Amino acid sequence: MDDKCIMENLLLTTKGVCDLYLHGTIESGTMNVHSAFDCALKDSLTMQDDIYKKMTAKGWYPTEQAEQQKLQQVKQKFANQ
């Protein structure tokens, strides 16, 4: 397993953890539980961002600039609803 594959797995796992912590935060029944999940969520989001930045720096997470025309079409579509 190469470094890129390891980083992809870390990113996917971290995203999954963020999703679980988000739902824990939303569904928590007490302030103590809410705070614990919220703190864990913030830490996990920071970790996810760090992994993403490292992958981007190595060219392992390429992104594309969205076309302005397509953005306008989507904005128009939802503005009309």
PDB file of N, CA and C in Angstrom:
ATOM      1  N   MET A   1       0.857  -1.174   0.000  1.00  0.00           N
ATOM      2  CA  MET A   1       0.000   0.000   0.000  1.00  0.00           C
ATOM      3  C   MET A   1       0.904   1.239   0.000  1.00  0.00           C
ATOM      4  N   ASP A   2       0.681   2.127  -0.959  1.00  0.00           N
ATOM      5  CA  ASP A   2       1.523   3.319  -1.055  1.00  0.00           C
ATOM      6  C   ASP A   2       0.959   4.461  -0.202  1.00  0.00           C
ATOM      7  N   ASP A   3       1.730   5.538  -0.099  1.00  0.00           N
ATOM      8  CA  ASP A   3       1.346   6.674   0.744  1.00  0.00           C
ATOM      9  C   ASP A   3       0.034   7.308   0.297  1.00  0.00           C
ATOM     10  N   LYS A   4      -0.182   7.406  -0.998  1.00  0.00           N
ATOM     11  CA  LYS A   4      -1.417   8.007  -1.499  1.00  0.00           C
ATOM     12  C   LYS A   4      -2.629   7.195  -1.047  1.00  0.00           C
ATOM     13  N   CYS A   5      -2.537   5.909  -1.153  1.00  0.00           N
ATOM     14  CA  CYS A   5      -3.637   5.029  -0.753  1.00  0.00           C
ATOM     15  C   CYS A   5      -3.899   5.140   0.755  1.00  0.00           C
ATOM     16  N   ILE A   6      -2.844   5.206   1.525  1.00  0.00           N
ATOM     17  CA  ILE A   6      -2.985   5.351   2.976  1.00  0.00           C
ATOM     18  C   ILE A   6      -3.686   6.668   3.307  1.00  0.00           C
ATOM     19  N   MET A   7      -3.266   7.743   2.643  1.00  0.00           N
ATOM     20  CA  MET A   7      -3.877   9.049   2.898  1.00  0.00           C
ATOM     21  C   MET A   7      -5.343   9.063   2.463  1.00  0.00           C
ATOM     22  N   GLU A   8      -5.657   8.417   1.342  1.00  0.00           N
ATOM     23  CA  GLU A   8      -7.056   8.337   0.901  1.00  0.00           C
ATOM     24  C   GLU A   8      -7.899   7.604   1.939  1.00  0.00           C
ATOM     25  N   ASN A   9      -7.360   6.514   2.468  1.00  0.00           N
ATOM     26  CA  ASN A   9      -8.081   5.753   3.497  1.00  0.00           C
ATOM     27  C   ASN A   9      -8.261   6.576   4.766  1.00  0.00           C
ATOM     28  N   LEU A  10      -7.228   7.308   5.161  1.00  0.00           N
ATOM     29  CA  LEU A  10      -7.330   8.175   6.337  1.00  0.00           C
ATOM     30  C   LEU A  10      -8.397   9.249   6.133  1.00  0.00           C
ATOM     31  N   LEU A  11      -8.413   9.844   4.945  1.00  0.00           N
ATOM     32  CA  LEU A  11      -9.386  10.896   4.658  1.00  0.00           C
ATOM     33  C   LEU A  11     -10.809  10.341   4.689  1.00  0.00           C
ATOM     34  N   LEU A  12     -11.022   9.212   4.057  1.00  0.00           N
ATOM     35  CA  LEU A  12     -12.362   8.611   4.045  1.00  0.00           C
ATOM     36  C   LEU A  12     -12.815   8.227   5.448  1.00  0.00           C
ATOM     37  N   THR A  13     -11.912   7.669   6.231  1.00  0.00           N
ATOM     38  CA  THR A  13     -12.247   7.282   7.596  1.00  0.00           C
ATOM     39  C   THR A  13     -12.569   8.511   8.432  1.00  0.00           C
ATOM     40  N   THR A  14     -11.770   9.543   8.287  1.00  0.00           N
ATOM     41  CA  THR A  14     -11.988  10.780   9.047  1.00  0.00           C
ATOM     42  C   THR A  14     -13.309  11.427   8.657  1.00  0.00           C
ATOM     43  N   LYS A  15     -13.643  11.419   7.374  1.00  0.00           N
ATOM     44  CA  LYS A  15     -14.938  11.958   6.945  1.00  0.00           C
ATOM     45  C   LYS A  15     -16.086  11.172   7.575  1.00  0.00           C
ATOM     46  N   GLY A  16     -15.944   9.855   7.642  1.00  0.00           N
ATOM     47  CA  GLY A  16     -16.974   9.024   8.269  1.00  0.00           C
ATOM     48  C   GLY A  16     -17.125   9.325   9.748  1.00  0.00           C
ATOM     49  N   VAL A  17     -16.000   9.524  10.414  1.00  0.00           N
ATOM     50  CA  VAL A  17     -16.022   9.870  11.835  1.00  0.00           C
ATOM     51  C   VAL A  17     -16.712  11.215  12.036  1.00  0.00           C
ATOM     52  N   CYS A  18     -16.404  12.183  11.171  1.00  0.00           N
ATOM     53  CA  CYS A  18     -17.055  13.500  11.258  1.00  0.00           C
ATOM     54  C   CYS A  18     -18.569  13.358  11.139  1.00  0.00           C
ATOM     55  N   ASP A  19     -19.016  12.520  10.237  1.00  0.00           N
ATOM     56  CA  ASP A  19     -20.450  12.299  10.062  1.00  0.00           C
ATOM     57  C   ASP A  19     -21.071  11.719  11.331  1.00  0.00           C
ATOM     58  N   LEU A  20     -20.394  10.753  11.942  1.00  0.00           N
ATOM     59  CA  LEU A  20     -20.914  10.157  13.176  1.00  0.00           C
ATOM     60  C   LEU A  20     -20.965  11.177  14.306  1.00  0.00           C
ATOM     61  N   TYR A  21     -19.904  11.965  14.459  1.00  0.00           N
ATOM     62  CA  TYR A  21     -19.875  12.980  15.508  1.00  0.00           C
ATOM     63  C   TYR A  21     -20.926  14.068  15.269  1.00  0.00           C
ATOM     64  N   LEU A  22     -21.163  14.416  14.013  1.00  0.00           N
ATOM     65  CA  LEU A  22     -22.190  15.407  13.706  1.00  0.00           C
ATOM     66  C   LEU A  22     -23.548  14.916  14.178  1.00  0.00           C
ATOM     67  N   HIS A  23     -23.868  13.668  13.847  1.00  0.00           N
ATOM     68  CA  HIS A  23     -25.157  13.121  14.262  1.00  0.00           C
ATOM     69  C   HIS A  23     -25.231  12.974  15.780  1.00  0.00           C
ATOM     70  N   GLY A  24     -24.119  12.622  16.412  1.00  0.00           N
ATOM     71  CA  GLY A  24     -24.092  12.555  17.869  1.00  0.00           C
ATOM     72  C   GLY A  24     -24.361  13.909  18.487  1.00  0.00           C
ATOM     73  N   THR A  25     -23.787  14.946  17.903  1.00  0.00           N
ATOM     74  CA  THR A  25     -23.993  16.304  18.406  1.00  0.00           C
ATOM     75  C   THR A  25     -25.453  16.716  18.255  1.00  0.00           C
ATOM     76  N   ILE A  26     -26.006  16.459  17.090  1.00  0.00           N
ATOM     77  CA  ILE A  26     -27.398  16.849  16.811  1.00  0.00           C
ATOM     78  C   ILE A  26     -28.379  16.101  17.714  1.00  0.00           C
ATOM     79  N   GLU A  27     -28.133  14.823  17.918  1.00  0.00           N
ATOM     80  CA  GLU A  27     -29.095  13.973  18.624  1.00  0.00           C
ATOM     81  C   GLU A  27     -28.845  13.873  20.124  1.00  0.00           C
ATOM     82  N   SER A  28     -27.821  14.525  20.641  1.00  0.00           N
ATOM     83  CA  SER A  28     -27.481  14.378  22.059  1.00  0.00           C
ATOM     84  C   SER A  28     -28.608  14.892  22.942  1.00  0.00           C
ATOM     85  N   GLY A  29     -28.801  14.194  24.061  1.00  0.00           N
ATOM     86  CA  GLY A  29     -29.906  14.517  24.955  1.00  0.00           C
ATOM     87  C   GLY A  29     -29.548  15.455  26.089  1.00  0.00           C
ATOM     88  N   THR A  30     -28.272  15.580  26.378  1.00  0.00           N
ATOM     89  CA  THR A  30     -27.859  16.471  27.463  1.00  0.00           C
ATOM     90  C   THR A  30     -26.747  17.392  26.983  1.00  0.00           C
ATOM     91  N   MET A  31     -26.544  18.470  27.717  1.00  0.00           N
ATOM     92  CA  MET A  31     -25.519  19.435  27.334  1.00  0.00           C
ATOM     93  C   MET A  31     -24.120  18.822  27.426  1.00  0.00           C
ATOM     94  N   ASN A  32     -23.877  17.967  28.412  1.00  0.00           N
ATOM     95  CA  ASN A  32     -22.564  17.332  28.544  1.00  0.00           C
ATOM     96  C   ASN A  32     -22.251  16.439  27.350  1.00  0.00           C
ATOM     97  N   VAL A  33     -23.223  15.667  26.927  1.00  0.00           N
ATOM     98  CA  VAL A  33     -23.035  14.786  25.768  1.00  0.00           C
ATOM     99  C   VAL A  33     -22.869  15.630  24.511  1.00  0.00           C
ATOM    100  N   HIS A  34     -23.686  16.663  24.372  1.00  0.00           N
ATOM    101  CA  HIS A  34     -23.588  17.564  23.222  1.00  0.00           C
ATOM    102  C   HIS A  34     -22.188  18.177  23.147  1.00  0.00           C
ATOM    103  N   SER A  35     -21.690  18.661  24.261  1.00  0.00           N
ATOM    104  CA  SER A  35     -20.362  19.283  24.295  1.00  0.00           C
ATOM    105  C   SER A  35     -19.267  18.296  23.931  1.00  0.00           C
ATOM    106  N   ALA A  36     -19.377  17.068  24.425  1.00  0.00           N
ATOM    107  CA  ALA A  36     -18.367  16.047  24.121  1.00  0.00           C
ATOM    108  C   ALA A  36     -18.344  15.730  22.627  1.00  0.00           C
ATOM    109  N   PHE A  37     -19.515  15.529  22.040  1.00  0.00           N
ATOM    110  CA  PHE A  37     -19.575  15.250  20.606  1.00  0.00           C
ATOM    111  C   PHE A  37     -19.125  16.463  19.789  1.00  0.00           C
ATOM    112  N   ASP A  38     -19.514  17.660  20.214  1.00  0.00           N
ATOM    113  CA  ASP A  38     -19.152  18.873  19.496  1.00  0.00           C
ATOM    114  C   ASP A  38     -17.635  19.069  19.496  1.00  0.00           C
ATOM    115  N   CYS A  39     -16.993  18.840  20.623  1.00  0.00           N
ATOM    116  CA  CYS A  39     -15.536  18.961  20.707  1.00  0.00           C
ATOM    117  C   CYS A  39     -14.858  17.925  19.815  1.00  0.00           C
ATOM    118  N   ALA A  40     -15.345  16.689  19.857  1.00  0.00           N
ATOM    119  CA  ALA A  40     -14.783  15.633  19.009  1.00  0.00           C
ATOM    120  C   ALA A  40     -14.986  15.959  17.532  1.00  0.00           C
ATOM    121  N   LEU A  41     -16.145  16.526  17.189  1.00  0.00           N
ATOM    122  CA  LEU A  41     -16.416  16.909  15.805  1.00  0.00           C
ATOM    123  C   LEU A  41     -15.439  17.971  15.337  1.00  0.00           C
ATOM    124  N   LYS A  42     -15.228  18.992  16.138  1.00  0.00           N
ATOM    125  CA  LYS A  42     -14.300  20.059  15.757  1.00  0.00           C
ATOM    126  C   LYS A  42     -12.887  19.524  15.571  1.00  0.00           C
ATOM    127  N   ASP A  43     -12.444  18.647  16.461  1.00  0.00           N
ATOM    128  CA  ASP A  43     -11.111  18.043  16.325  1.00  0.00           C
ATOM    129  C   ASP A  43     -11.010  17.209  15.050  1.00  0.00           C
ATOM    130  N   SER A  44     -12.062  16.455  14.762  1.00  0.00           N
ATOM    131  CA  SER A  44     -12.063  15.605  13.569  1.00  0.00           C
ATOM    132  C   SER A  44     -12.093  16.428  12.287  1.00  0.00           C
ATOM    133  N   LEU A  45     -12.838  17.531  12.291  1.00  0.00           N
ATOM    134  CA  LEU A  45     -12.871  18.402  11.115  1.00  0.00           C
ATOM    135  C   LEU A  45     -11.504  19.044  10.873  1.00  0.00           C
ATOM    136  N   THR A  46     -10.817  19.389  11.944  1.00  0.00           N
ATOM    137  CA  THR A  46      -9.460  19.934  11.811  1.00  0.00           C
ATOM    138  C   THR A  46      -8.527  18.886  11.217  1.00  0.00           C
ATOM    139  N   MET A  47      -8.648  17.657  11.699  1.00  0.00           N
ATOM    140  CA  MET A  47      -7.825  16.564  11.177  1.00  0.00           C
ATOM    141  C   MET A  47      -8.130  16.313   9.705  1.00  0.00           C
ATOM    142  N   GLN A  48      -9.404  16.323   9.339  1.00  0.00           N
ATOM    143  CA  GLN A  48      -9.801  16.118   7.944  1.00  0.00           C
ATOM    144  C   GLN A  48      -9.221  17.208   7.065  1.00  0.00           C
ATOM    145  N   ASP A  49      -9.255  18.438   7.525  1.00  0.00           N
ATOM    146  CA  ASP A  49      -8.711  19.553   6.758  1.00  0.00           C
ATOM    147  C   ASP A  49      -7.199  19.415   6.583  1.00  0.00           C
ATOM    148  N   ASP A  50      -6.504  18.994   7.626  1.00  0.00           N
ATOM    149  CA  ASP A  50      -5.053  18.798   7.538  1.00  0.00           C
ATOM    150  C   ASP A  50      -4.699  17.711   6.514  1.00  0.00           C
ATOM    151  N   ILE A  51      -5.438  16.614   6.550  1.00  0.00           N
ATOM    152  CA  ILE A  51      -5.190  15.521   5.603  1.00  0.00           C
ATOM    153  C   ILE A  51      -5.450  16.004   4.176  1.00  0.00           C
ATOM    154  N   TYR A  52      -6.569  16.710   3.982  1.00  0.00           N
ATOM    155  CA  TYR A  52      -6.908  17.243   2.657  1.00  0.00           C
ATOM    156  C   TYR A  52      -5.806  18.165   2.143  1.00  0.00           C
ATOM    157  N   LYS A  53      -5.326  19.060   2.977  1.00  0.00           N
ATOM    158  CA  LYS A  53      -4.282  20.001   2.561  1.00  0.00           C
ATOM    159  C   LYS A  53      -2.997  19.279   2.173  1.00  0.00           C
ATOM    160  N   LYS A  54      -2.628  18.246   2.930  1.00  0.00           N
ATOM    161  CA  LYS A  54      -1.415  17.484   2.605  1.00  0.00           C
ATOM    162  C   LYS A  54      -1.586  16.730   1.289  1.00  0.00           C
ATOM    163  N   MET A  55      -2.763  16.167   1.064  1.00  0.00           N
ATOM    164  CA  MET A  55      -3.013  15.453  -0.188  1.00  0.00           C
ATOM    165  C   MET A  55      -3.004  16.422  -1.371  1.00  0.00           C
ATOM    166  N   THR A  56      -3.604  17.587  -1.188  1.00  0.00           N
ATOM    167  CA  THR A  56      -3.631  18.586  -2.249  1.00  0.00           C
ATOM    168  C   THR A  56      -2.224  19.050  -2.589  1.00  0.00           C
ATOM    169  N   ALA A  57      -1.402  19.270  -1.568  1.00  0.00           N
ATOM    170  CA  ALA A  57      -0.018  19.722  -1.779  1.00  0.00           C
ATOM    171  C   ALA A  57       0.791  18.714  -2.589  1.00  0.00           C
ATOM    172  N   LYS A  58       0.469  17.430  -2.437  1.00  0.00           N
ATOM    173  CA  LYS A  58       1.178  16.382  -3.175  1.00  0.00           C
ATOM    174  C   LYS A  58       0.535  16.072  -4.520  1.00  0.00           C
ATOM    175  N   GLY A  59      -0.574  16.754  -4.827  1.00  0.00           N
ATOM    176  CA  GLY A  59      -1.259  16.507  -6.090  1.00  0.00           C
ATOM    177  C   GLY A  59      -2.124  15.262  -6.065  1.00  0.00           C
ATOM    178  N   TRP A  60      -2.448  14.767  -4.883  1.00  0.00           N
ATOM    179  CA  TRP A  60      -3.234  13.540  -4.745  1.00  0.00           C
ATOM    180  C   TRP A  60      -4.727  13.804  -4.623  1.00  0.00           C
ATOM    181  N   TYR A  61      -5.131  15.068  -4.589  1.00  0.00           N
ATOM    182  CA  TYR A  61      -6.543  15.423  -4.483  1.00  0.00           C
ATOM    183  C   TYR A  61      -6.799  16.595  -5.419  1.00  0.00           C
ATOM    184  N   PRO A  62      -6.769  16.320  -6.705  1.00  0.00           N
ATOM    185  CA  PRO A  62      -6.943  17.425  -7.661  1.00  0.00           C
ATOM    186  C   PRO A  62      -8.382  17.938  -7.652  1.00  0.00           C
ATOM    187  N   THR A  63      -8.505  19.230  -7.814  1.00  0.00           N
ATOM    188  CA  THR A  63      -9.827  19.850  -7.896  1.00  0.00           C
ATOM    189  C   THR A  63      -9.921  20.638  -9.192  1.00  0.00           C
ATOM    190  N   GLU A  64     -11.141  20.852  -9.634  1.00  0.00           N
ATOM    191  CA  GLU A  64     -11.376  21.627 -10.842  1.00  0.00           C
ATOM    192  C   GLU A  64     -12.187  22.868 -10.499  1.00  0.00           C
ATOM    193  N   GLN A  65     -11.899  23.933 -11.173  1.00  0.00           N
ATOM    194  CA  GLN A  65     -12.674  25.160 -11.014  1.00  0.00           C
ATOM    195  C   GLN A  65     -14.011  24.986 -11.745  1.00  0.00           C
ATOM    196  N   ALA A  66     -15.084  25.287 -11.058  1.00  0.00           N
ATOM    197  CA  ALA A  66     -16.401  25.177 -11.676  1.00  0.00           C
ATOM    198  C   ALA A  66     -16.571  26.277 -12.717  1.00  0.00           C
ATOM    199  N   GLU A  67     -17.224  25.930 -13.807  1.00  0.00           N
ATOM    200  CA  GLU A  67     -17.486  26.916 -14.850  1.00  0.00           C
ATOM    201  C   GLU A  67     -18.529  27.911 -14.365  1.00  0.00           C
ATOM    202  N   GLN A  68     -18.261  29.177 -14.588  1.00  0.00           N
ATOM    203  CA  GLN A  68     -19.160  30.238 -14.140  1.00  0.00           C
ATOM    204  C   GLN A  68     -20.565  30.078 -14.719  1.00  0.00           C
ATOM    205  N   GLN A  69     -20.651  29.647 -15.971  1.00  0.00           N
ATOM    206  CA  GLN A  69     -21.956  29.470 -16.611  1.00  0.00           C
ATOM    207  C   GLN A  69     -22.776  28.400 -15.884  1.00  0.00           C
ATOM    208  N   LYS A  70     -22.138  27.303 -15.509  1.00  0.00           N
ATOM    209  CA  LYS A  70     -22.853  26.242 -14.797  1.00  0.00           C
ATOM    210  C   LYS A  70     -23.311  26.710 -13.417  1.00  0.00           C
ATOM    211  N   LEU A  71     -22.480  27.488 -12.748  1.00  0.00           N
ATOM    212  CA  LEU A  71     -22.877  28.034 -11.453  1.00  0.00           C
ATOM    213  C   LEU A  71     -24.112  28.923 -11.588  1.00  0.00           C
ATOM    214  N   GLN A  72     -24.115  29.753 -12.608  1.00  0.00           N
ATOM    215  CA  GLN A  72     -25.248  30.642 -12.837  1.00  0.00           C
ATOM    216  C   GLN A  72     -26.523  29.864 -13.139  1.00  0.00           C
ATOM    217  N   GLN A  73     -26.386  28.761 -13.896  1.00  0.00           N
ATOM    218  CA  GLN A  73     -27.546  27.935 -14.219  1.00  0.00           C
ATOM    219  C   GLN A  73     -28.148  27.332 -12.952  1.00  0.00           C
ATOM    220  N   VAL A  74     -27.305  26.862 -12.061  1.00  0.00           N
ATOM    221  CA  VAL A  74     -27.789  26.262 -10.811  1.00  0.00           C
ATOM    222  C   VAL A  74     -28.437  27.338  -9.934  1.00  0.00           C
ATOM    223  N   LYS A  75     -27.800  28.498  -9.844  1.00  0.00           N
ATOM    224  CA  LYS A  75     -28.385  29.593  -9.058  1.00  0.00           C
ATOM    225  C   LYS A  75     -29.755  29.974  -9.602  1.00  0.00           C
ATOM    226  N   GLN A  76     -29.856  30.064 -10.911  1.00  0.00           N
ATOM    227  CA  GLN A  76     -31.118  30.434 -11.549  1.00  0.00           C
ATOM    228  C   GLN A  76     -32.186  29.376 -11.292  1.00  0.00           C
ATOM    229  N   LYS A  77     -31.807  28.121 -11.379  1.00  0.00           N
ATOM    230  CA  LYS A  77     -32.739  27.029 -11.175  1.00  0.00           C
ATOM    231  C   LYS A  77     -33.369  27.113  -9.790  1.00  0.00           C
ATOM    232  N   PHE A  78     -32.542  27.315  -8.767  1.00  0.00           N
ATOM    233  CA  PHE A  78     -33.053  27.323  -7.398  1.00  0.00           C
ATOM    234  C   PHE A  78     -33.675  28.656  -7.031  1.00  0.00           C
ATOM    235  N   ALA A  79     -33.321  29.722  -7.703  1.00  0.00           N
ATOM    236  CA  ALA A  79     -33.941  31.016  -7.438  1.00  0.00           C
ATOM    237  C   ALA A  79     -35.379  31.020  -7.925  1.00  0.00           C
ATOM    238  N   ASN A  80     -35.681  30.227  -8.935  1.00  0.00           N
ATOM    239  CA  ASN A  80     -37.018  30.168  -9.504  1.00  0.00           C
ATOM    240  C   ASN A  80     -37.961  29.262  -8.715  1.00  0.00           C
ATOM    241  N   GLN A  81     -37.448  28.530  -7.766  1.00  0.00           N
ATOM    242  CA  GLN A  81     -38.294  27.589  -7.032  1.00  0.00           C
ATOM    243  C   GLN A  81     -38.914  28.239  -5.863  1.00  0.00           C
TER     244      GLN A  81
END
